[in-house]
Amino acid sequence: MLENRKARHNYEILEKLEAGIVLKGTEVKAVRDGKVDFTGSFARFDRGELWLEDLYIAPYEKGSYANHEPRRRRKLLLNKHELKKLLGKVQQKGYTLVPLKMYFNERGYAKILLALARGKRDYQKKEDEKQRAVERELEKWY
């Protein structure tokens, strides 16, 4: 399971949703090796379909001429009902879809956990950091 640790720091998570992702063969092998970088990645609607943008999957070392492009757009798979519901929420000002985790389910399919999120301001990030520091200090003493 690969995790986007920065997402919880930079965004306020409002809702989570699991989606399938369309990958090529060499991408699957690179993901299994853990060669994924979530930095700057997000999901966007284009002509009624949901696409994952800027997700970096490193080229597979043992791949040949058939290796994939590292930052290509990848289609996300959801039901029509889920897509319509998400589209309405994302169109509101300030909301975005951010990937939180990428993993393979028990059937071997690649899945991505998306979050409907709102960007945090700098002062909110500082408050969260202070709160975590207080909680760590309390755990140390009790």
Foldseek 3Di string as FASTA:
>chain_A
DAFDVCDVLFWDFDDKDKWFKDDDPQLLVQVVVVQKDQPPWFWDDDPLWIKIFQIARDWRPPDDPPTDDGGDIITIHDDSVVSVVVVVLQPPPQWTKGWTDWDADPVRTIMTMITTTGTDDPVVSVVVVVVVVVVVVVVVVD
